[in-house]
Amino acid sequence: MRVLVLYAHPDPASFGAALHGAVVKGLTEAGHEVDDCDLYAEGFDPVLSQAERVGYHDLASNIDPVAGYVARLRAAEALVLCFPVWNYGYPAILKGFFDRVFLPGVSFKLVDGKVRPNLWNIRKLAAVTSYGGTRWRALLMGDPPRKLVKRAVRAVCHPTAQPLYLAHYDMNRATPESRARFLGTVEKKMRAL
């Protein structure tokens, strides 16, 4: 299976980088073809320009500024997001990817004014993440990243795509043992994707 991994963390020495490594290792060991998209390393520009916004609904040209990323998304059969939760949301670079690449005609189409999913090529969806706070604290805030993955991103994928959401909560008090356990879980789940 062709898997697009969207990785969003600027620090190669971070636990996020270790999670990214576990994701790629598990997928590779399972024999998947991995397109490893490190948004920071690739210098992805997350800012939606005025011209892009004005041309947002122009299906003939809206993908031009991000055509390479659209091609990679369209070629994928699975999508794995690997990111830290910052301020109860995605890192800006990942949010910008969704703003600039998940376009009309790409991730969705408008039919009589209603949004219809268009990423039917994505049959598997997963997210691997970490939170500084506890699961309880995330729940109190509504856990926006979990909802975005399990509802918004899932809504534009193939109808049978059931999202897998793997989160290490309470990183502020994490131990080497809890991090190692979670890395092992991530590798195992990626091998089974």
N, C-alpha and C. Protein backbone atom coordinates (compact mmCIF):
# COMPACT_ATOMS: atom_id res chain seq x y z
N MET A 1 0.85 -1.18 0.00
CA MET A 1 0.00 0.00 0.00
C MET A 1 0.89 1.24 0.00
N ARG A 2 0.50 2.25 -0.75
CA ARG A 2 1.23 3.52 -0.77
C ARG A 2 0.71 4.40 0.38
N VAL A 3 1.62 4.77 1.27
CA VAL A 3 1.26 5.53 2.47
C VAL A 3 1.95 6.88 2.45
N LEU A 4 1.16 7.95 2.53
CA LEU A 4 1.70 9.29 2.68
C LEU A 4 1.77 9.60 4.17
N VAL A 5 2.97 9.84 4.66
CA VAL A 5 3.17 10.24 6.05
C VAL A 5 3.39 11.74 6.07
N LEU A 6 2.51 12.47 6.74
CA LEU A 6 2.68 13.91 6.91
C LEU A 6 3.23 14.14 8.31
N TYR A 7 4.48 14.57 8.37
CA TYR A 7 5.17 14.77 9.64
C TYR A 7 5.37 16.26 9.88
N ALA A 8 5.03 16.72 11.09
CA ALA A 8 5.09 18.15 11.39
C ALA A 8 5.73 18.40 12.76
N HIS A 9 7.05 18.44 12.79
CA HIS A 9 7.77 18.84 14.01
C HIS A 9 9.13 19.39 13.59
N PRO A 10 9.52 20.56 14.14
CA PRO A 10 10.76 21.18 13.69
C PRO A 10 12.04 20.64 14.31
N ASP A 11 11.94 19.85 15.40
CA ASP A 11 13.13 19.45 16.15
C ASP A 11 13.47 17.98 15.92
N PRO A 12 14.57 17.69 15.24
CA PRO A 12 14.94 16.30 14.99
C PRO A 12 15.36 15.52 16.24
N ALA A 13 15.53 16.21 17.37
CA ALA A 13 15.90 15.53 18.62
C ALA A 13 14.69 15.35 19.54
N SER A 14 13.49 15.63 19.06
CA SER A 14 12.29 15.60 19.89
C SER A 14 11.67 14.20 19.97
N PHE A 15 10.75 14.04 20.91
CA PHE A 15 9.98 12.80 20.98
C PHE A 15 9.10 12.68 19.73
N GLY A 16 8.67 13.81 19.20
CA GLY A 16 7.93 13.80 17.94
C GLY A 16 8.73 13.16 16.83
N ALA A 17 10.03 13.46 16.79
CA ALA A 17 10.91 12.84 15.78
C ALA A 17 11.01 11.34 16.02
N ALA A 18 11.07 10.93 17.29
CA ALA A 18 11.10 9.49 17.60
C ALA A 18 9.80 8.82 17.15
N LEU A 19 8.68 9.50 17.35
CA LEU A 19 7.40 8.95 16.89
C LEU A 19 7.39 8.82 15.37
N HIS A 20 7.88 9.83 14.70
CA HIS A 20 7.98 9.80 13.24
C HIS A 20 8.82 8.60 12.80
N GLY A 21 9.94 8.39 13.46
CA GLY A 21 10.80 7.24 13.14
C GLY A 21 10.07 5.92 13.34
N ALA A 22 9.29 5.82 14.42
CA ALA A 22 8.54 4.60 14.70
C ALA A 22 7.46 4.37 13.64
N VAL A 23 6.83 5.44 13.20
CA VAL A 23 5.81 5.34 12.15
C VAL A 23 6.43 4.79 10.87
N VAL A 24 7.50 5.43 10.43
CA VAL A 24 8.14 5.02 9.17
C VAL A 24 8.70 3.60 9.29
N LYS A 25 9.31 3.28 10.42
CA LYS A 25 9.87 1.94 10.61
C LYS A 25 8.77 0.88 10.55
N GLY A 26 7.68 1.08 11.28
CA GLY A 26 6.59 0.10 11.28
C GLY A 26 5.99 -0.10 9.90
N LEU A 27 5.76 1.00 9.19
CA LEU A 27 5.18 0.91 7.85
C LEU A 27 6.14 0.21 6.88
N THR A 28 7.41 0.57 6.95
CA THR A 28 8.41 -0.03 6.07
C THR A 28 8.56 -1.52 6.34
N GLU A 29 8.61 -1.89 7.62
CA GLU A 29 8.74 -3.30 7.98
C GLU A 29 7.54 -4.12 7.49
N ALA A 30 6.39 -3.48 7.38
CA ALA A 30 5.19 -4.17 6.90
C ALA A 30 5.16 -4.26 5.38
N GLY A 31 6.14 -3.65 4.72
CA GLY A 31 6.22 -3.73 3.27
C GLY A 31 5.48 -2.64 2.51
N HIS A 32 5.03 -1.62 3.22
CA HIS A 32 4.33 -0.53 2.56
C HIS A 32 5.32 0.38 1.83
N GLU A 33 4.85 1.01 0.78
CA GLU A 33 5.62 2.03 0.06
C GLU A 33 5.34 3.35 0.78
N VAL A 34 6.36 3.95 1.40
CA VAL A 34 6.17 5.14 2.23
C VAL A 34 6.66 6.39 1.52
N ASP A 35 5.76 7.36 1.38
CA ASP A 35 6.12 8.69 0.92
C ASP A 35 6.20 9.54 2.18
N ASP A 36 7.41 9.77 2.66
CA ASP A 36 7.65 10.44 3.94
C ASP A 36 7.77 11.94 3.71
N CYS A 37 6.72 12.67 4.01
CA CYS A 37 6.66 14.11 3.79
C CYS A 37 6.91 14.85 5.10
N ASP A 38 8.14 15.26 5.30
CA ASP A 38 8.54 16.04 6.48
C ASP A 38 8.33 17.51 6.11
N LEU A 39 7.24 18.08 6.57
CA LEU A 39 6.85 19.43 6.15
C LEU A 39 7.91 20.48 6.48
N TYR A 40 8.54 20.37 7.64
CA TYR A 40 9.58 21.34 7.99
C TYR A 40 10.82 21.15 7.12
N ALA A 41 11.27 19.91 6.97
CA ALA A 41 12.48 19.65 6.18
C ALA A 41 12.28 20.05 4.72
N GLU A 42 11.05 19.89 4.23
CA GLU A 42 10.77 20.25 2.84
C GLU A 42 10.51 21.75 2.67
N GLY A 43 10.46 22.48 3.76
CA GLY A 43 10.23 23.92 3.68
C GLY A 43 8.83 24.28 3.20
N PHE A 44 7.84 23.45 3.56
CA PHE A 44 6.48 23.74 3.14
C PHE A 44 6.02 25.09 3.68
N ASP A 45 5.45 25.92 2.82
CA ASP A 45 4.94 27.23 3.22
C ASP A 45 3.47 27.07 3.60
N PRO A 46 3.12 27.24 4.87
CA PRO A 46 1.74 27.01 5.30
C PRO A 46 0.79 28.18 5.04
N VAL A 47 1.31 29.30 4.53
CA VAL A 47 0.49 30.50 4.40
C VAL A 47 -0.31 30.48 3.09
N LEU A 48 -1.62 30.52 3.24
CA LEU A 48 -2.52 30.63 2.09
C LEU A 48 -2.48 32.08 1.63
N SER A 49 -2.01 32.29 0.41
CA SER A 49 -1.87 33.67 -0.09
C SER A 49 -3.22 34.23 -0.52
N GLN A 50 -3.24 35.54 -0.74
CA GLN A 50 -4.47 36.18 -1.22
C GLN A 50 -4.86 35.60 -2.57
N ALA A 51 -3.89 35.43 -3.46
CA ALA A 51 -4.19 34.89 -4.79
C ALA A 51 -4.76 33.48 -4.70
N GLU A 52 -4.21 32.66 -3.79
CA GLU A 52 -4.73 31.31 -3.62
C GLU A 52 -6.17 31.34 -3.10
N ARG A 53 -6.45 32.25 -2.17
CA ARG A 53 -7.81 32.33 -1.63
C ARG A 53 -8.80 32.80 -2.69
N VAL A 54 -8.39 33.78 -3.48
CA VAL A 54 -9.25 34.29 -4.55
C VAL A 54 -9.53 33.19 -5.57
N GLY A 55 -8.54 32.36 -5.87
CA GLY A 55 -8.71 31.29 -6.84
C GLY A 55 -9.09 29.94 -6.25
N TYR A 56 -9.48 29.93 -4.99
CA TYR A 56 -9.75 28.71 -4.25
C TYR A 56 -10.74 27.77 -4.96
N HIS A 57 -11.78 28.31 -5.54
CA HIS A 57 -12.82 27.49 -6.16
C HIS A 57 -12.62 27.31 -7.66
N ASP A 58 -11.52 27.80 -8.20
CA ASP A 58 -11.23 27.64 -9.63
C ASP A 58 -10.55 26.30 -9.84
N LEU A 59 -11.34 25.28 -10.19
CA LEU A 59 -10.82 23.92 -10.30
C LEU A 59 -9.75 23.77 -11.39
N ALA A 60 -9.72 24.69 -12.33
CA ALA A 60 -8.73 24.60 -13.41
C ALA A 60 -7.34 25.01 -12.94
N SER A 61 -7.25 25.81 -11.87
CA SER A 61 -5.93 26.31 -11.48
C SER A 61 -5.65 26.33 -9.99
N ASN A 62 -6.61 25.96 -9.15
CA ASN A 62 -6.38 26.12 -7.69
C ASN A 62 -5.25 25.27 -7.15
N ILE A 63 -4.91 24.17 -7.83
CA ILE A 63 -3.82 23.32 -7.32
C ILE A 63 -2.43 23.77 -7.76
N ASP A 64 -2.36 24.70 -8.70
CA ASP A 64 -1.06 25.08 -9.28
C ASP A 64 0.03 25.38 -8.24
N PRO A 65 -0.24 26.18 -7.19
CA PRO A 65 0.84 26.48 -6.22
C PRO A 65 1.31 25.27 -5.39
N VAL A 66 0.48 24.24 -5.31
CA VAL A 66 0.81 23.07 -4.48
C VAL A 66 0.65 21.76 -5.26
N ALA A 67 0.84 21.82 -6.55
CA ALA A 67 0.58 20.66 -7.43
C ALA A 67 1.36 19.42 -7.01
N GLY A 68 2.60 19.58 -6.59
CA GLY A 68 3.40 18.43 -6.17
C GLY A 68 2.81 17.73 -4.96
N TYR A 69 2.34 18.51 -4.00
CA TYR A 69 1.73 17.92 -2.80
C TYR A 69 0.38 17.28 -3.12
N VAL A 70 -0.37 17.89 -4.02
CA VAL A 70 -1.65 17.30 -4.44
C VAL A 70 -1.40 15.96 -5.11
N ALA A 71 -0.38 15.89 -5.96
CA ALA A 71 -0.06 14.63 -6.65
C ALA A 71 0.29 13.54 -5.64
N ARG A 72 1.05 13.89 -4.62
CA ARG A 72 1.43 12.91 -3.60
C ARG A 72 0.21 12.43 -2.82
N LEU A 73 -0.70 13.35 -2.51
CA LEU A 73 -1.93 12.99 -1.80
C LEU A 73 -2.81 12.09 -2.65
N ARG A 74 -2.92 12.41 -3.92
CA ARG A 74 -3.75 11.61 -4.82
C ARG A 74 -3.15 10.22 -5.09
N ALA A 75 -1.85 10.09 -4.97
CA ALA A 75 -1.19 8.80 -5.22
C ALA A 75 -1.28 7.87 -4.01
N ALA A 76 -1.61 8.43 -2.85
CA ALA A 76 -1.62 7.64 -1.61
C ALA A 76 -2.89 6.80 -1.47
N GLU A 77 -2.70 5.66 -0.81
CA GLU A 77 -3.84 4.80 -0.46
C GLU A 77 -4.12 4.88 1.04
N ALA A 78 -3.17 5.42 1.77
CA ALA A 78 -3.31 5.62 3.22
C ALA A 78 -2.64 6.93 3.58
N LEU A 79 -3.14 7.54 4.65
CA LEU A 79 -2.60 8.80 5.13
C LEU A 79 -2.33 8.65 6.62
N VAL A 80 -1.08 8.96 7.02
CA VAL A 80 -0.70 8.92 8.44
C VAL A 80 -0.19 10.30 8.81
N LEU A 81 -0.83 10.91 9.80
CA LEU A 81 -0.42 12.21 10.31
C LEU A 81 0.42 11.99 11.56
N CYS A 82 1.55 12.65 11.64
CA CYS A 82 2.43 12.53 12.81
C CYS A 82 2.79 13.95 13.25
N PHE A 83 2.25 14.34 14.42
CA PHE A 83 2.38 15.73 14.84
C PHE A 83 2.23 15.84 16.35
N PRO A 84 2.78 16.89 16.95
CA PRO A 84 2.51 17.17 18.36
C PRO A 84 1.26 18.04 18.45
N VAL A 85 0.56 17.95 19.56
CA VAL A 85 -0.57 18.85 19.81
C VAL A 85 -0.02 20.07 20.53
N TRP A 86 -0.21 21.22 19.92
CA TRP A 86 0.23 22.48 20.51
C TRP A 86 -0.99 23.38 20.67
N ASN A 87 -1.20 23.89 21.85
CA ASN A 87 -2.34 24.78 22.10
C ASN A 87 -3.65 24.16 21.63
N TYR A 88 -3.80 22.88 21.91
CA TYR A 88 -5.00 22.11 21.59
C TYR A 88 -5.30 22.08 20.09
N GLY A 89 -4.25 22.12 19.29
CA GLY A 89 -4.45 22.07 17.84
C GLY A 89 -3.24 21.52 17.12
N TYR A 90 -3.35 21.52 15.79
CA TYR A 90 -2.24 21.12 14.94
C TYR A 90 -1.14 22.19 14.97
N PRO A 91 0.11 21.80 14.73
CA PRO A 91 1.12 22.82 14.46
C PRO A 91 0.69 23.61 13.22
N ALA A 92 1.04 24.88 13.17
CA ALA A 92 0.60 25.76 12.08
C ALA A 92 0.96 25.21 10.70
N ILE A 93 2.11 24.56 10.60
CA ILE A 93 2.54 24.05 9.30
C ILE A 93 1.61 22.95 8.79
N LEU A 94 1.09 22.12 9.70
CA LEU A 94 0.15 21.07 9.30
C LEU A 94 -1.22 21.67 8.99
N LYS A 95 -1.66 22.62 9.79
CA LYS A 95 -2.93 23.31 9.51
C LYS A 95 -2.85 23.99 8.15
N GLY A 96 -1.71 24.60 7.86
CA GLY A 96 -1.51 25.25 6.56
C GLY A 96 -1.54 24.25 5.41
N PHE A 97 -1.05 23.04 5.66
CA PHE A 97 -1.12 22.00 4.62
C PHE A 97 -2.58 21.71 4.28
N PHE A 98 -3.40 21.55 5.32
CA PHE A 98 -4.82 21.30 5.07
C PHE A 98 -5.46 22.49 4.34
N ASP A 99 -5.12 23.71 4.75
CA ASP A 99 -5.69 24.90 4.12
C ASP A 99 -5.31 25.00 2.64
N ARG A 100 -4.06 24.67 2.32
CA ARG A 100 -3.56 24.89 0.96
C ARG A 100 -3.71 23.68 0.04
N VAL A 101 -3.74 22.48 0.59
CA VAL A 101 -3.73 21.27 -0.25
C VAL A 101 -5.09 20.56 -0.29
N PHE A 102 -5.84 20.62 0.79
CA PHE A 102 -7.16 19.98 0.82
C PHE A 102 -8.17 20.94 0.18
N LEU A 103 -8.09 21.05 -1.12
CA LEU A 103 -8.81 22.03 -1.91
C LEU A 103 -10.08 21.45 -2.54
N PRO A 104 -10.98 22.34 -3.01
CA PRO A 104 -12.09 21.86 -3.83
C PRO A 104 -11.52 21.14 -5.06
N GLY A 105 -12.08 19.99 -5.36
CA GLY A 105 -11.57 19.19 -6.47
C GLY A 105 -10.47 18.23 -6.06
N VAL A 106 -9.92 18.43 -4.86
CA VAL A 106 -8.87 17.55 -4.35
C VAL A 106 -9.46 16.70 -3.22
N SER A 107 -9.67 17.30 -2.07
CA SER A 107 -10.19 16.52 -0.95
C SER A 107 -11.71 16.49 -0.91
N PHE A 108 -12.33 17.44 -1.54
CA PHE A 108 -13.80 17.46 -1.58
C PHE A 108 -14.27 18.08 -2.88
N LYS A 109 -15.52 17.85 -3.19
CA LYS A 109 -16.16 18.51 -4.32
C LYS A 109 -17.49 19.07 -3.85
N LEU A 110 -17.91 20.12 -4.48
CA LEU A 110 -19.20 20.72 -4.16
C LEU A 110 -20.23 20.24 -5.17
N VAL A 111 -21.29 19.65 -4.66
CA VAL A 111 -22.39 19.18 -5.50
C VAL A 111 -23.65 19.86 -5.01
N ASP A 112 -24.20 20.74 -5.83
CA ASP A 112 -25.38 21.51 -5.44
C ASP A 112 -25.16 22.23 -4.10
N GLY A 113 -23.94 22.76 -3.93
CA GLY A 113 -23.62 23.51 -2.71
C GLY A 113 -23.27 22.66 -1.51
N LYS A 114 -23.31 21.34 -1.66
CA LYS A 114 -23.00 20.45 -0.54
C LYS A 114 -21.62 19.82 -0.75
N VAL A 115 -20.89 19.68 0.35
CA VAL A 115 -19.55 19.09 0.30
C VAL A 115 -19.67 17.57 0.19
N ARG A 116 -18.93 17.00 -0.76
CA ARG A 116 -18.87 15.55 -0.94
C ARG A 116 -17.40 15.13 -0.87
N PRO A 117 -17.11 14.02 -0.23
CA PRO A 117 -15.71 13.56 -0.12
C PRO A 117 -15.14 13.25 -1.51
N ASN A 118 -13.85 13.50 -1.65
CA ASN A 118 -13.21 13.27 -2.94
C ASN A 118 -11.89 12.51 -2.82
N LEU A 119 -11.46 12.19 -1.61
CA LEU A 119 -10.22 11.43 -1.44
C LEU A 119 -10.55 9.94 -1.26
N TRP A 120 -11.25 9.40 -2.21
CA TRP A 120 -11.65 7.99 -2.12
C TRP A 120 -10.45 7.06 -2.24
N ASN A 121 -9.33 7.58 -2.66
CA ASN A 121 -8.10 6.78 -2.73
C ASN A 121 -7.56 6.49 -1.33
N ILE A 122 -7.92 7.32 -0.33
CA ILE A 122 -7.43 7.14 1.04
C ILE A 122 -8.38 6.18 1.76
N ARG A 123 -7.90 4.93 1.90
CA ARG A 123 -8.73 3.89 2.53
C ARG A 123 -8.31 3.59 3.97
N LYS A 124 -7.17 4.13 4.37
CA LYS A 124 -6.68 3.98 5.74
C LYS A 124 -6.22 5.36 6.22
N LEU A 125 -6.56 5.68 7.45
CA LEU A 125 -6.22 6.97 8.03
C LEU A 125 -5.75 6.75 9.46
N ALA A 126 -4.62 7.36 9.79
CA ALA A 126 -4.10 7.25 11.16
C ALA A 126 -3.46 8.56 11.57
N ALA A 127 -3.45 8.79 12.88
CA ALA A 127 -2.74 9.93 13.45
C ALA A 127 -1.94 9.44 14.64
N VAL A 128 -0.72 9.94 14.75
CA VAL A 128 0.17 9.62 15.87
C VAL A 128 0.60 10.95 16.46
N THR A 129 0.32 11.13 17.75
CA THR A 129 0.54 12.45 18.33
C THR A 129 0.91 12.38 19.80
N SER A 130 1.23 13.52 20.35
CA SER A 130 1.51 13.63 21.79
C SER A 130 0.92 14.94 22.31
N TYR A 131 0.50 14.89 23.56
CA TYR A 131 -0.09 16.04 24.24
C TYR A 131 0.73 16.34 25.49
N GLY A 132 0.93 17.59 25.79
CA GLY A 132 1.61 17.94 27.03
C GLY A 132 0.77 17.60 28.25
N GLY A 133 -0.53 17.81 28.15
CA GLY A 133 -1.44 17.59 29.27
C GLY A 133 -2.07 16.21 29.25
N THR A 134 -2.89 15.99 30.25
CA THR A 134 -3.56 14.70 30.42
C THR A 134 -4.73 14.54 29.44
N ARG A 135 -5.20 13.32 29.30
CA ARG A 135 -6.38 13.05 28.47
C ARG A 135 -7.58 13.81 29.03
N TRP A 136 -7.70 13.85 30.36
CA TRP A 136 -8.80 14.57 31.00
C TRP A 136 -8.78 16.05 30.61
N ARG A 137 -7.61 16.65 30.63
CA ARG A 137 -7.49 18.08 30.26
C ARG A 137 -7.87 18.28 28.79
N ALA A 138 -7.43 17.38 27.94
CA ALA A 138 -7.79 17.47 26.52
C ALA A 138 -9.30 17.34 26.34
N LEU A 139 -9.91 16.42 27.09
CA LEU A 139 -11.37 16.26 27.02
C LEU A 139 -12.10 17.52 27.46
N LEU A 140 -11.61 18.15 28.52
CA LEU A 140 -12.22 19.39 28.98
C LEU A 140 -12.20 20.47 27.91
N MET A 141 -11.18 20.45 27.08
CA MET A 141 -11.05 21.43 25.99
C MET A 141 -11.75 20.97 24.71
N GLY A 142 -12.32 19.78 24.75
CA GLY A 142 -13.02 19.25 23.57
C GLY A 142 -12.13 18.42 22.65
N ASP A 143 -10.85 18.33 22.96
CA ASP A 143 -9.87 17.56 22.18
C ASP A 143 -10.00 17.82 20.68
N PRO A 144 -9.82 19.09 20.25
CA PRO A 144 -9.98 19.43 18.84
C PRO A 144 -9.16 18.59 17.86
N PRO A 145 -7.88 18.27 18.14
CA PRO A 145 -7.13 17.49 17.15
C PRO A 145 -7.76 16.11 16.89
N ARG A 146 -8.19 15.44 17.95
CA ARG A 146 -8.83 14.13 17.79
C ARG A 146 -10.09 14.27 16.95
N LYS A 147 -10.90 15.28 17.23
CA LYS A 147 -12.14 15.48 16.47
C LYS A 147 -11.84 15.80 15.01
N LEU A 148 -10.82 16.62 14.77
CA LEU A 148 -10.49 16.98 13.39
C LEU A 148 -10.07 15.75 12.59
N VAL A 149 -9.27 14.89 13.19
CA VAL A 149 -8.84 13.68 12.48
C VAL A 149 -10.02 12.74 12.28
N LYS A 150 -10.75 12.47 13.36
CA LYS A 150 -11.79 11.44 13.32
C LYS A 150 -13.08 11.90 12.63
N ARG A 151 -13.22 13.21 12.46
CA ARG A 151 -14.43 13.72 11.81
C ARG A 151 -14.11 14.43 10.50
N ALA A 152 -13.36 15.53 10.58
CA ALA A 152 -13.14 16.35 9.39
C ALA A 152 -12.27 15.67 8.34
N VAL A 153 -11.11 15.16 8.74
CA VAL A 153 -10.24 14.51 7.76
C VAL A 153 -10.89 13.21 7.28
N ARG A 154 -11.41 12.45 8.20
CA ARG A 154 -12.07 11.19 7.84
C ARG A 154 -13.23 11.42 6.88
N ALA A 155 -13.93 12.54 7.01
CA ALA A 155 -15.11 12.83 6.19
C ALA A 155 -14.79 12.99 4.71
N VAL A 156 -13.54 13.30 4.37
CA VAL A 156 -13.21 13.48 2.95
C VAL A 156 -12.51 12.26 2.36
N CYS A 157 -12.28 11.23 3.18
CA CYS A 157 -11.63 10.00 2.73
C CYS A 157 -12.67 8.98 2.27
N HIS A 158 -12.20 7.83 1.83
CA HIS A 158 -13.10 6.75 1.44
C HIS A 158 -14.05 6.43 2.59
N PRO A 159 -15.31 6.16 2.30
CA PRO A 159 -16.28 5.92 3.38
C PRO A 159 -15.92 4.78 4.33
N THR A 160 -15.11 3.83 3.89
CA THR A 160 -14.74 2.72 4.76
C THR A 160 -13.51 3.00 5.62
N ALA A 161 -12.88 4.16 5.42
CA ALA A 161 -11.67 4.49 6.19
C ALA A 161 -12.03 4.77 7.64
N GLN A 162 -11.59 3.90 8.52
CA GLN A 162 -11.82 4.09 9.96
C GLN A 162 -10.53 4.64 10.58
N PRO A 163 -10.57 5.83 11.14
CA PRO A 163 -9.34 6.43 11.65
C PRO A 163 -8.79 5.75 12.89
N LEU A 164 -7.49 5.62 12.91
CA LEU A 164 -6.75 5.13 14.07
C LEU A 164 -6.08 6.35 14.69
N TYR A 165 -6.33 6.60 15.97
CA TYR A 165 -5.78 7.77 16.65
C TYR A 165 -4.96 7.29 17.83
N LEU A 166 -3.65 7.47 17.73
CA LEU A 166 -2.72 7.05 18.78
C LEU A 166 -2.12 8.28 19.44
N ALA A 167 -2.37 8.44 20.72
CA ALA A 167 -1.90 9.63 21.42
C ALA A 167 -1.21 9.28 22.73
N HIS A 168 -0.07 9.91 22.95
CA HIS A 168 0.61 9.83 24.25
C HIS A 168 0.26 11.12 24.98
N TYR A 169 -0.59 10.99 25.99
CA TYR A 169 -0.99 12.14 26.79
C TYR A 169 -0.02 12.34 27.95
N ASP A 170 -0.09 13.53 28.54
CA ASP A 170 0.67 13.87 29.74
C ASP A 170 2.19 13.80 29.53
N MET A 171 2.63 14.30 28.39
CA MET A 171 4.07 14.33 28.11
C MET A 171 4.84 15.15 29.15
N ASN A 172 4.16 16.08 29.80
CA ASN A 172 4.83 16.90 30.82
C ASN A 172 5.34 16.05 31.98
N ARG A 173 4.73 14.87 32.16
CA ARG A 173 5.17 13.97 33.24
C ARG A 173 5.53 12.59 32.71
N ALA A 174 5.83 12.51 31.43
CA ALA A 174 6.17 11.22 30.82
C ALA A 174 7.48 10.68 31.38
N THR A 175 7.58 9.37 31.38
CA THR A 175 8.80 8.71 31.83
C THR A 175 9.46 8.04 30.62
N PRO A 176 10.72 7.68 30.75
CA PRO A 176 11.34 6.92 29.65
C PRO A 176 10.56 5.64 29.34
N GLU A 177 10.00 5.03 30.38
CA GLU A 177 9.24 3.79 30.19
C GLU A 177 7.93 4.05 29.43
N SER A 178 7.21 5.12 29.78
CA SER A 178 5.95 5.41 29.09
C SER A 178 6.20 5.77 27.63
N ARG A 179 7.29 6.50 27.38
CA ARG A 179 7.62 6.86 26.00
C ARG A 179 8.02 5.62 25.21
N ALA A 180 8.81 4.74 25.80
CA ALA A 180 9.23 3.52 25.11
C ALA A 180 8.05 2.62 24.80
N ARG A 181 7.12 2.50 25.75
CA ARG A 181 5.91 1.69 25.53
C ARG A 181 5.10 2.24 24.35
N PHE A 182 4.96 3.56 24.34
CA PHE A 182 4.17 4.18 23.28
C PHE A 182 4.84 4.02 21.92
N LEU A 183 6.16 4.17 21.87
CA LEU A 183 6.88 3.96 20.61
C LEU A 183 6.67 2.53 20.11
N GLY A 184 6.70 1.57 21.02
CA GLY A 184 6.45 0.17 20.65
C GLY A 184 5.04 -0.03 20.11
N THR A 185 4.08 0.61 20.75
CA THR A 185 2.69 0.53 20.29
C THR A 185 2.55 1.12 18.90
N VAL A 186 3.19 2.26 18.66
CA VAL A 186 3.11 2.91 17.35
C VAL A 186 3.68 2.00 16.27
N GLU A 187 4.87 1.45 16.50
CA GLU A 187 5.47 0.54 15.51
C GLU A 187 4.54 -0.64 15.21
N LYS A 188 4.00 -1.23 16.26
CA LYS A 188 3.12 -2.38 16.11
C LYS A 188 1.87 -2.03 15.31
N LYS A 189 1.25 -0.90 15.63
CA LYS A 189 0.03 -0.49 14.93
C LYS A 189 0.31 -0.13 13.47
N MET A 190 1.47 0.45 13.20
CA MET A 190 1.84 0.79 11.82
C MET A 190 2.10 -0.48 11.01
N ARG A 191 2.68 -1.50 11.64
CA ARG A 191 2.90 -2.76 10.92
C ARG A 191 1.56 -3.41 10.57
N ALA A 192 0.53 -3.15 11.37
CA ALA A 192 -0.79 -3.75 11.14
C ALA A 192 -1.72 -2.86 10.31
N LEU A 193 -1.27 -1.69 9.90
CA LEU A 193 -2.13 -0.76 9.17
C LEU A 193 -2.66 -1.35 7.87
